């Protein structure tokens, strides 16, 4: 079946808004259909799969550029799973580094909150001091 869908129907079915579809078209990630002389552009059902692919890739931490590259690989006749796997492994390295950074930030914030709970008063705030130069303000 060669069912054609409006942009609104594609967006609704894929779980995004119409502007997201237009953005993906501008970025070259989703093919923009021709506009008939009289009427609305219609999209093939495959457009829903492309939008869902993009959203899942983003949810896994891939940037739009990386996702666009994955789409290009997906659409080539010579796609090699090993190349896709290498990109996924590289993304894992980045994600793990980000997790370590977030854990470090969490520890630092925990210390600041604990310090504030012990020393906080009406005139000074250890968190504000730490965000400044780390020294108490001269009164």
Foldseek 3Di string as FASTA:
>chain_A
DFDWAALCVLQVLLVHHSVVVVVCCVVVQAPFADQDPDDGGTHTPVRSVSSNQQVVCVVLPDDNVRSSVVSVLVPDPPRDVVVVVVVSVVSVVVVVVVVVVVVVVVVVVVVQVVCCVVDPDDPDRQVVCCVPVVDDDDD
